[in-house]
Amino acid sequence: MTIIRSGERQFAVKKFMNTKKIEVLFKLEERGNVLAIFPSLTENNYVTCYAHIGQHGLACLSYIENLEDATPEQSEELRKELITIGYEFKEEVK
C-alpha cells in the first residue's frame, strides 16, 4: 500500500471537519488493519484515509477498490477514535 502523508492535506481535512459532516467507509486490509476512507476527499488517483497508526494519509484508489468492507465490530475502535478527534459522520457509504 502507498500512503502519502502531507501536512497540507491534514490541514485541509481539519478545515473540512469543522464545516460539515463527512462521508466515511471502513475497509479491512489483509493484515487486519482497518482504514477509514473519505470518498469526498479525493485528489487525482488518491483518496484521503485514516488509520490508527499513521493517522491521515492518501491511498491509491486502485488499492482501496480491492479491500473488503470492515464489519461494524471491526471498525468500532477506529470510528470512536475519529469521533474523539472531532469527526462527525454522514450516513456511512457502502
Protein backbone atom coordinates (compact mmCIF):
# COMPACT_ATOMS: atom_id res chain seq x y z
CA MET A 1 0.00 0.00 0.00
CA THR A 2 1.17 3.51 -0.73
CA ILE A 3 0.15 6.16 1.77
CA ILE A 4 1.42 9.67 1.23
CA ARG A 5 1.46 11.92 4.27
CA SER A 6 1.04 15.63 3.79
CA GLY A 7 0.83 18.46 6.31
CA GLU A 8 -1.22 20.44 3.81
CA ARG A 9 -3.64 17.52 3.39
CA GLN A 10 -4.03 17.27 7.18
CA PHE A 11 -4.82 20.99 7.34
CA ALA A 12 -7.43 20.60 4.58
CA VAL A 13 -9.03 17.65 6.37
CA LYS A 14 -9.20 19.55 9.68
CA LYS A 15 -10.73 22.56 7.93
CA PHE A 16 -13.28 20.27 6.26
CA MET A 17 -14.09 18.62 9.60
CA ASN A 18 -15.01 22.00 11.05
CA THR A 19 -17.51 22.83 8.33
CA LYS A 20 -19.74 19.80 7.82
CA LYS A 21 -20.33 16.13 8.38
CA ILE A 22 -18.23 13.85 6.24
CA GLU A 23 -18.97 10.59 4.43
CA VAL A 24 -16.87 7.65 5.59
CA LEU A 25 -16.48 4.00 4.78
CA PHE A 26 -14.33 1.47 6.58
CA LYS A 27 -12.15 -1.04 4.74
CA LEU A 28 -10.16 -4.00 6.03
CA GLU A 29 -6.58 -4.56 4.89
CA GLU A 30 -5.11 -8.07 4.54
CA ARG A 31 -3.21 -7.78 7.83
CA GLY A 32 -6.39 -6.88 9.70
CA ASN A 33 -5.85 -3.11 9.87
CA VAL A 34 -8.98 -1.02 9.43
CA LEU A 35 -8.85 2.11 7.26
CA ALA A 36 -11.38 4.93 7.32
CA ILE A 37 -11.87 6.18 3.77
CA PHE A 38 -13.28 9.62 2.98
CA PRO A 39 -14.66 9.37 -0.59
CA SER A 40 -15.46 13.08 -0.80
CA LEU A 41 -11.77 13.91 -0.28
CA THR A 42 -10.16 12.60 -3.45
CA GLU A 43 -7.30 14.11 -5.38
CA ASN A 44 -6.16 12.74 -8.73
CA ASN A 45 -5.94 8.98 -8.18
CA TYR A 46 -5.82 9.19 -4.36
CA VAL A 47 -8.35 9.28 -1.54
CA THR A 48 -7.85 10.61 1.97
CA CYS A 49 -7.76 7.87 4.58
CA TYR A 50 -7.16 7.50 8.31
CA ALA A 51 -5.66 4.62 10.32
CA HIS A 52 -4.70 4.11 13.97
CA ILE A 53 -1.03 4.10 13.02
CA GLY A 54 -0.05 6.88 10.64
CA GLN A 55 -3.33 8.73 11.01
CA HIS A 56 -4.23 10.89 7.97
CA GLY A 57 -2.76 9.99 4.61
CA LEU A 58 -3.55 9.36 0.98
CA ALA A 59 -4.13 5.93 -0.51
CA CYS A 60 -4.30 4.93 -4.15
CA LEU A 61 -7.89 4.36 -5.34
CA SER A 62 -6.90 1.09 -7.03
CA TYR A 63 -5.64 -0.21 -3.67
CA ILE A 64 -8.85 0.78 -1.83
CA GLU A 65 -11.07 -0.80 -4.50
CA ASN A 66 -9.56 -4.22 -3.77
CA LEU A 67 -10.19 -4.14 0.00
CA GLU A 68 -13.17 -5.75 1.69
CA ASP A 69 -15.61 -3.74 3.78
CA ALA A 70 -14.89 -3.84 7.52
CA THR A 71 -17.72 -5.04 9.74
CA PRO A 72 -19.19 -2.66 12.35
CA GLU A 73 -17.34 -4.67 15.01
CA GLN A 74 -14.02 -4.39 13.17
CA SER A 75 -14.40 -0.64 12.62
CA GLU A 76 -15.76 0.29 16.05
CA GLU A 77 -12.44 1.35 17.64
CA LEU A 78 -11.41 3.47 14.66
CA ARG A 79 -14.86 5.06 14.48
CA LYS A 80 -14.59 6.03 18.17
CA GLU A 81 -11.09 7.43 17.62
CA LEU A 82 -12.30 9.62 14.76
CA ILE A 83 -15.18 10.94 16.87
CA THR A 84 -12.80 11.85 19.71
CA ILE A 85 -10.70 13.98 17.35
CA GLY A 86 -13.73 15.86 16.04
CA TYR A 87 -15.23 13.97 13.13
CA GLU A 88 -18.97 13.91 12.60
CA PHE A 89 -20.21 11.40 10.07
CA LYS A 90 -22.90 11.42 7.45
CA GLU A 91 -24.60 8.10 6.98
CA GLU A 92 -21.93 5.60 6.01
CA VAL A 93 -21.31 4.99 2.33
CA LYS A 94 -21.50 1.40 1.12
